[in-house]
PDB file of N, CA and C in Angstrom:
ATOM      1  N   UNK A   1      24.195   1.150  -3.056  1.00  0.00           N
ATOM      2  CA  UNK A   1      24.918   2.369  -3.341  1.00  0.00           C
ATOM      3  C   UNK A   1      24.891   3.312  -2.133  1.00  0.00           C
ATOM      4  N   UNK A   2      23.714   3.431  -1.524  1.00  0.00           N
ATOM      5  CA  UNK A   2      23.595   4.310  -0.354  1.00  0.00           C
ATOM      6  C   UNK A   2      24.424   3.807   0.817  1.00  0.00           C
ATOM      7  N   UNK A   3      24.440   2.504   1.000  1.00  0.00           N
ATOM      8  CA  UNK A   3      25.200   1.966   2.126  1.00  0.00           C
ATOM      9  C   UNK A   3      26.698   2.171   1.910  1.00  0.00           C
ATOM     10  N   UNK A   4      27.143   2.134   0.671  1.00  0.00           N
ATOM     11  CA  UNK A   4      28.560   2.362   0.389  1.00  0.00           C
ATOM     12  C   UNK A   4      28.947   3.791   0.705  1.00  0.00           C
ATOM     13  N   UNK A   5      28.099   4.734   0.308  1.00  0.00           N
ATOM     14  CA  UNK A   5      28.364   6.153   0.591  1.00  0.00           C
ATOM     15  C   UNK A   5      28.308   6.411   2.089  1.00  0.00           C
ATOM     16  N   UNK A   6      27.325   5.831   2.758  1.00  0.00           N
ATOM     17  CA  UNK A   6      27.208   6.007   4.207  1.00  0.00           C
ATOM     18  C   UNK A   6      28.426   5.408   4.916  1.00  0.00           C
ATOM     19  N   UNK A   7      28.880   4.245   4.449  1.00  0.00           N
ATOM     20  CA  UNK A   7      30.063   3.627   5.049  1.00  0.00           C
ATOM     21  C   UNK A   7      31.299   4.498   4.815  1.00  0.00           C
ATOM     22  N   UNK A   8      31.437   5.076   3.623  1.00  0.00           N
ATOM     23  CA  UNK A   8      32.586   5.933   3.319  1.00  0.00           C
ATOM     24  C   UNK A   8      32.576   7.183   4.188  1.00  0.00           C
ATOM     25  N   UNK A   9      31.414   7.783   4.382  1.00  0.00           N
ATOM     26  CA  UNK A   9      31.303   8.975   5.231  1.00  0.00           C
ATOM     27  C   UNK A   9      31.603   8.613   6.683  1.00  0.00           C
ATOM     28  N   UNK A  10      31.091   7.513   7.143  1.00  0.00           N
ATOM     29  CA  UNK A  10      31.347   7.065   8.516  1.00  0.00           C
ATOM     30  C   UNK A  10      32.829   6.778   8.724  1.00  0.00           C
ATOM     31  N   UNK A  11      33.460   6.145   7.750  1.00  0.00           N
ATOM     32  CA  UNK A  11      34.887   5.854   7.851  1.00  0.00           C
ATOM     33  C   UNK A  11      35.708   7.139   7.861  1.00  0.00           C
ATOM     34  N   UNK A  12      35.352   8.103   7.022  1.00  0.00           N
ATOM     35  CA  UNK A  12      36.073   9.381   6.991  1.00  0.00           C
ATOM     36  C   UNK A  12      35.929  10.120   8.317  1.00  0.00           C
ATOM     37  N   UNK A  13      34.742  10.117   8.885  1.00  0.00           N
ATOM     38  CA  UNK A  13      34.536  10.772  10.184  1.00  0.00           C
ATOM     39  C   UNK A  13      35.328  10.079  11.287  1.00  0.00           C
ATOM     40  N   UNK A  14      35.342   8.761  11.271  1.00  0.00           N
ATOM     41  CA  UNK A  14      36.074   8.013  12.294  1.00  0.00           C
ATOM     42  C   UNK A  14      37.574   8.255  12.172  1.00  0.00           C
ATOM     43  N   UNK A  15      38.080   8.336  10.952  1.00  0.00           N
ATOM     44  CA  UNK A  15      39.504   8.584  10.752  1.00  0.00           C
ATOM     45  C   UNK A  15      39.883   9.987  11.198  1.00  0.00           C
ATOM     46  N   UNK A  16      38.998  10.946  10.981  1.00  0.00           N
ATOM     47  CA  UNK A  16      39.267  12.326  11.383  1.00  0.00           C
ATOM     48  C   UNK A  16      39.237  12.483  12.897  1.00  0.00           C
ATOM     49  N   UNK A  17      38.269  11.896  13.547  1.00  0.00           N
ATOM     50  CA  UNK A  17      38.132  12.019  14.990  1.00  0.00           C
ATOM     51  C   UNK A  17      39.251  11.270  15.701  1.00  0.00           C
ATOM     52  N   UNK A  18      39.785  10.244  15.093  1.00  0.00           N
ATOM     53  CA  UNK A  18      40.863   9.473  15.703  1.00  0.00           C
ATOM     54  C   UNK A  18      42.130  10.276  15.890  1.00  0.00           C
ATOM     55  N   UNK A  19      42.300  11.369  15.140  1.00  0.00           N
ATOM     56  CA  UNK A  19      43.489  12.205  15.260  1.00  0.00           C
ATOM     57  C   UNK A  19      43.388  13.260  16.337  1.00  0.00           C
ATOM     58  N   UNK A  20      42.242  13.414  16.944  1.00  0.00           N
ATOM     59  CA  UNK A  20      42.049  14.431  17.983  1.00  0.00           C
ATOM     60  C   UNK A  20      42.502  13.873  19.329  1.00  0.00           C
ATOM     61  N   UNK A  21      43.273  14.677  20.027  1.00  0.00           N
ATOM     62  CA  UNK A  21      43.744  14.255  21.343  1.00  0.00           C
ATOM     63  C   UNK A  21      43.890  15.512  22.206  1.00  0.00           C
ATOM     64  N   UNK A  22      43.677  15.372  23.492  1.00  0.00           N
ATOM     65  CA  UNK A  22      43.831  16.481  24.416  1.00  0.00           C
ATOM     66  C   UNK A  22      45.256  16.489  24.946  1.00  0.00           C
ATOM     67  N   UNK A  23      45.907  17.645  24.845  1.00  0.00           N
ATOM     68  CA  UNK A  23      47.279  17.805  25.321  1.00  0.00           C
ATOM     69  C   UNK A  23      47.247  18.618  26.606  1.00  0.00           C
ATOM     70  N   UNK A  24      47.885  18.105  27.634  1.00  0.00           N
ATOM     71  CA  UNK A  24      47.984  18.829  28.893  1.00  0.00           C
ATOM     72  C   UNK A  24      48.972  19.987  28.752  1.00  0.00           C
ATOM     73  N   UNK A  25      48.766  21.066  29.528  1.00  0.00           N
ATOM     74  CA  UNK A  25      49.664  22.221  29.414  1.00  0.00           C
ATOM     75  C   UNK A  25      51.132  21.887  29.650  1.00  0.00           C
ATOM     76  N   UNK A  26      51.442  20.962  30.533  1.00  0.00           N
ATOM     77  CA  UNK A  26      52.836  20.648  30.814  1.00  0.00           C
ATOM     78  C   UNK A  26      53.458  19.770  29.720  1.00  0.00           C
ATOM     79  N   UNK A  27      52.651  19.223  28.798  1.00  0.00           N
ATOM     80  CA  UNK A  27      53.170  18.438  27.697  1.00  0.00           C
ATOM     81  C   UNK A  27      53.439  19.271  26.440  1.00  0.00           C
ATOM     82  N   UNK A  28      52.932  20.465  26.392  1.00  0.00           N
ATOM     83  CA  UNK A  28      53.052  21.284  25.183  1.00  0.00           C
ATOM     84  C   UNK A  28      54.478  21.717  24.911  1.00  0.00           C
ATOM     85  N   UNK A  29      55.261  21.973  25.931  1.00  0.00           N
ATOM     86  CA  UNK A  29      56.643  22.373  25.731  1.00  0.00           C
ATOM     87  C   UNK A  29      57.477  21.276  25.100  1.00  0.00           C
ATOM     88  N   UNK A  30      57.192  20.039  25.440  1.00  0.00           N
ATOM     89  CA  UNK A  30      57.926  18.909  24.876  1.00  0.00           C
ATOM     90  C   UNK A  30      57.552  18.691  23.413  1.00  0.00           C
ATOM     91  N   UNK A  31      56.313  18.990  23.048  1.00  0.00           N
ATOM     92  CA  UNK A  31      55.847  18.756  21.690  1.00  0.00           C
ATOM     93  C   UNK A  31      56.096  19.940  20.763  1.00  0.00           C
ATOM     94  N   UNK A  32      56.416  21.106  21.319  1.00  0.00           N
ATOM     95  CA  UNK A  32      56.621  22.293  20.496  1.00  0.00           C
ATOM     96  C   UNK A  32      57.958  22.206  19.762  1.00  0.00           C
ATOM     97  N   UNK A  33      57.963  22.655  18.516  1.00  0.00           N
ATOM     98  CA  UNK A  33      59.179  22.663  17.702  1.00  0.00           C
ATOM     99  C   UNK A  33      59.694  24.097  17.652  1.00  0.00           C
ATOM    100  N   UNK A  34      60.918  24.367  18.087  1.00  0.00           N
ATOM    101  CA  UNK A  34      61.439  25.736  18.099  1.00  0.00           C
ATOM    102  C   UNK A  34      61.508  26.363  16.709  1.00  0.00           C
ATOM    103  N   UNK A  35      61.601  25.563  15.654  1.00  0.00           N
ATOM    104  CA  UNK A  35      61.652  26.111  14.302  1.00  0.00           C
ATOM    105  C   UNK A  35      60.315  26.714  13.864  1.00  0.00           C
ATOM    106  N   UNK A  36      59.245  26.418  14.579  1.00  0.00           N
ATOM    107  CA  UNK A  36      57.929  26.931  14.209  1.00  0.00           C
ATOM    108  C   UNK A  36      57.680  28.334  14.760  1.00  0.00           C
ATOM    109  N   UNK A  37      58.537  28.838  15.624  1.00  0.00           N
ATOM    110  CA  UNK A  37      58.364  30.168  16.195  1.00  0.00           C
ATOM    111  C   UNK A  37      58.815  31.230  15.205  1.00  0.00           C
ATOM    112  N   UNK A  38      58.163  32.387  15.242  1.00  0.00           N
ATOM    113  CA  UNK A  38      58.577  33.498  14.404  1.00  0.00           C
ATOM    114  C   UNK A  38      59.874  34.061  14.955  1.00  0.00           C
ATOM    115  N   UNK A  39      60.917  34.036  14.172  1.00  0.00           N
ATOM    116  CA  UNK A  39      62.212  34.544  14.607  1.00  0.00           C
ATOM    117  C   UNK A  39      62.857  33.696  15.670  1.00  0.00           C
ATOM    118  N   UNK A  40      62.451  32.451  15.787  1.00  0.00           N
ATOM    119  CA  UNK A  40      62.971  31.601  16.838  1.00  0.00           C
ATOM    120  C   UNK A  40      64.283  30.925  16.511  1.00  0.00           C
ATOM    121  N   UNK A  41      64.559  30.698  15.238  1.00  0.00           N
ATOM    122  CA  UNK A  41      65.772  29.976  14.860  1.00  0.00           C
ATOM    123  C   UNK A  41      66.609  30.856  13.938  1.00  0.00           C
ATOM    124  N   UNK A  42      67.703  31.388  14.463  1.00  0.00           N
ATOM    125  CA  UNK A  42      68.567  32.264  13.670  1.00  0.00           C
ATOM    126  C   UNK A  42      69.252  31.487  12.552  1.00  0.00           C
ATOM    127  N   UNK A  43      69.605  30.219  12.819  1.00  0.00           N
ATOM    128  CA  UNK A  43      70.273  29.414  11.800  1.00  0.00           C
ATOM    129  C   UNK A  43      69.350  29.183  10.607  1.00  0.00           C
ATOM    130  N   UNK A  44      68.078  28.944  10.895  1.00  0.00           N
ATOM    131  CA  UNK A  44      67.115  28.715   9.825  1.00  0.00           C
ATOM    132  C   UNK A  44      66.920  29.981   9.002  1.00  0.00           C
ATOM    133  N   UNK A  45      66.835  31.133   9.662  1.00  0.00           N
ATOM    134  CA  UNK A  45      66.682  32.395   8.941  1.00  0.00           C
ATOM    135  C   UNK A  45      67.905  32.691   8.091  1.00  0.00           C
ATOM    136  N   UNK A  46      69.104  32.398   8.602  1.00  0.00           N
ATOM    137  CA  UNK A  46      70.328  32.626   7.834  1.00  0.00           C
ATOM    138  C   UNK A  46      70.381  31.698   6.625  1.00  0.00           C
ATOM    139  N   UNK A  47      69.953  30.463   6.788  1.00  0.00           N
ATOM    140  CA  UNK A  47      69.949  29.520   5.669  1.00  0.00           C
ATOM    141  C   UNK A  47      68.951  29.947   4.595  1.00  0.00           C
ATOM    142  N   UNK A  48      67.769  30.422   5.020  1.00  0.00           N
ATOM    143  CA  UNK A  48      66.779  30.892   4.052  1.00  0.00           C
ATOM    144  C   UNK A  48      67.269  32.136   3.328  1.00  0.00           C
ATOM    145  N   UNK A  49      67.954  33.044   4.038  1.00  0.00           N
ATOM    146  CA  UNK A  49      68.500  34.249   3.406  1.00  0.00           C
ATOM    147  C   UNK A  49      69.577  33.871   2.399  1.00  0.00           C
ATOM    148  N   UNK A  50      70.414  32.904   2.743  1.00  0.00           N
ATOM    149  CA  UNK A  50      71.459  32.459   1.827  1.00  0.00           C
ATOM    150  C   UNK A  50      70.841  31.837   0.570  1.00  0.00           C
ATOM    151  N   UNK A  51      69.815  31.019   0.747  1.00  0.00           N
ATOM    152  CA  UNK A  51      69.153  30.405  -0.399  1.00  0.00           C
ATOM    153  C   UNK A  51      68.513  31.464  -1.287  1.00  0.00           C
ATOM    154  N   UNK A  52      67.937  32.508  -0.689  1.00  0.00           N
ATOM    155  CA  UNK A  52      67.342  33.588  -1.476  1.00  0.00           C
ATOM    156  C   UNK A  52      68.413  34.350  -2.236  1.00  0.00           C
ATOM    157  N   UNK A  53      69.547  34.613  -1.603  1.00  0.00           N
ATOM    158  CA  UNK A  53      70.638  35.318  -2.279  1.00  0.00           C
ATOM    159  C   UNK A  53      71.155  34.521  -3.469  1.00  0.00           C
ATOM    160  N   UNK A  54      71.310  33.221  -3.296  1.00  0.00           N
ATOM    161  CA  UNK A  54      71.801  32.385  -4.386  1.00  0.00           C
ATOM    162  C   UNK A  54      70.778  32.332  -5.510  1.00  0.00           C
ATOM    163  N   UNK A  55      69.520  32.190  -5.159  1.00  0.00           N
ATOM    164  CA  UNK A  55      68.465  32.079  -6.160  1.00  0.00           C
ATOM    165  C   UNK A  55      68.283  33.390  -6.915  1.00  0.00           C
ATOM    166  N   UNK A  56      68.375  34.512  -6.233  1.00  0.00           N
ATOM    167  CA  UNK A  56      68.162  35.815  -6.854  1.00  0.00           C
ATOM    168  C   UNK A  56      69.426  36.367  -7.509  1.00  0.00           C
ATOM    169  N   UNK A  57      70.568  35.815  -7.196  1.00  0.00           N
ATOM    170  CA  UNK A  57      71.814  36.293  -7.770  1.00  0.00           C
ATOM    171  C   UNK A  57      72.261  37.608  -7.179  1.00  0.00           C
ATOM    172  N   UNK A  58      71.874  37.875  -5.957  1.00  0.00           N
ATOM    173  CA  UNK A  58      72.254  39.120  -5.302  1.00  0.00           C
ATOM    174  C   UNK A  58      72.622  38.837  -3.863  1.00  0.00           C
ATOM    175  N   UNK A  59      73.169  39.846  -3.211  1.00  0.00           N
ATOM    176  CA  UNK A  59      73.540  39.697  -1.819  1.00  0.00           C
ATOM    177  C   UNK A  59      73.030  40.905  -1.061  1.00  0.00           C
ATOM    178  N   UNK A  60      72.414  40.682   0.078  1.00  0.00           N
ATOM    179  CA  UNK A  60      71.899  41.778   0.893  1.00  0.00           C
ATOM    180  C   UNK A  60      70.650  42.377   0.281  1.00  0.00           C
ATOM    181  N   UNK A  61      70.370  43.623   0.659  1.00  0.00           N
ATOM    182  CA  UNK A  61      69.208  44.314   0.107  1.00  0.00           C
ATOM    183  C   UNK A  61      67.898  43.925   0.732  1.00  0.00           C
ATOM    184  N   UNK A  62      67.942  43.291   1.894  1.00  0.00           N
ATOM    185  CA  UNK A  62      66.692  42.873   2.520  1.00  0.00           C
ATOM    186  C   UNK A  62      66.036  44.001   3.314  1.00  0.00           C
ATOM    187  N   UNK A  63      66.794  45.070   3.600  1.00  0.00           N
ATOM    188  CA  UNK A  63      66.258  46.141   4.429  1.00  0.00           C
ATOM    189  C   UNK A  63      65.721  47.313   3.615  1.00  0.00           C
ATOM    190  N   UNK A  64      66.061  47.426   2.361  1.00  0.00           N
ATOM    191  CA  UNK A  64      65.627  48.562   1.551  1.00  0.00           C
ATOM    192  C   UNK A  64      64.780  48.055   0.388  1.00  0.00           C
ATOM    193  N   UNK A  65      63.884  48.914  -0.080  1.00  0.00           N
ATOM    194  CA  UNK A  65      63.053  48.523  -1.211  1.00  0.00           C
ATOM    195  C   UNK A  65      63.803  48.761  -2.506  1.00  0.00           C
ATOM    196  N   UNK A  66      63.459  48.040  -3.507  1.00  0.00           N
ATOM    197  CA  UNK A  66      64.102  48.185  -4.807  1.00  0.00           C
ATOM    198  C   UNK A  66      65.324  47.319  -4.915  1.00  0.00           C
ATOM    199  N   UNK A  67      65.595  46.845  -6.109  1.00  0.00           N
ATOM    200  CA  UNK A  67      66.735  45.977  -6.306  1.00  0.00           C
ATOM    201  C   UNK A  67      67.739  46.523  -7.308  1.00  0.00           C
ATOM    202  N   UNK A  68      67.650  47.801  -7.630  1.00  0.00           N
ATOM    203  CA  UNK A  68      68.562  48.376  -8.602  1.00  0.00           C
ATOM    204  C   UNK A  68      68.072  48.294 -10.013  1.00  0.00           C
ATOM    205  N   UNK A  69      66.890  47.738 -10.202  1.00  0.00           N
ATOM    206  CA  UNK A  69      66.364  47.601 -11.554  1.00  0.00           C
ATOM    207  C   UNK A  69      65.349  48.698 -11.865  1.00  0.00           C
ATOM    208  N   UNK A  70      65.114  49.602 -10.936  1.00  0.00           N
ATOM    209  CA  UNK A  70      64.160  50.671 -11.143  1.00  0.00           C
ATOM    210  C   UNK A  70      62.778  50.362 -10.599  1.00  0.00           C
ATOM    211  N   UNK A  71      62.564  49.164 -10.098  1.00  0.00           N
ATOM    212  CA  UNK A  71      61.278  48.809  -9.539  1.00  0.00           C
ATOM    213  C   UNK A  71      61.331  48.939  -8.015  1.00  0.00           C
ATOM    214  N   UNK A  72      60.199  49.219  -7.428  1.00  0.00           N
ATOM    215  CA  UNK A  72      60.156  49.384  -5.968  1.00  0.00           C
ATOM    216  C   UNK A  72      59.633  48.134  -5.341  1.00  0.00           C
TER     217      UNK A  72
END
């Protein structure tokens, strides 16, 4: 029983360490995804705003508080 638990812990540690890799500074630009930046993709923000408008049944209102229902 102990050897099974020890083997499972050793396997989990080996699997975790296997995912670690050192990235050189000149390789980071190639691996970076522009969609992960805050405000980096206008198309993505427009699509998310459209989905929110459809889901909420309203249009606009992202700049002011309250939605006309009396709540802030």
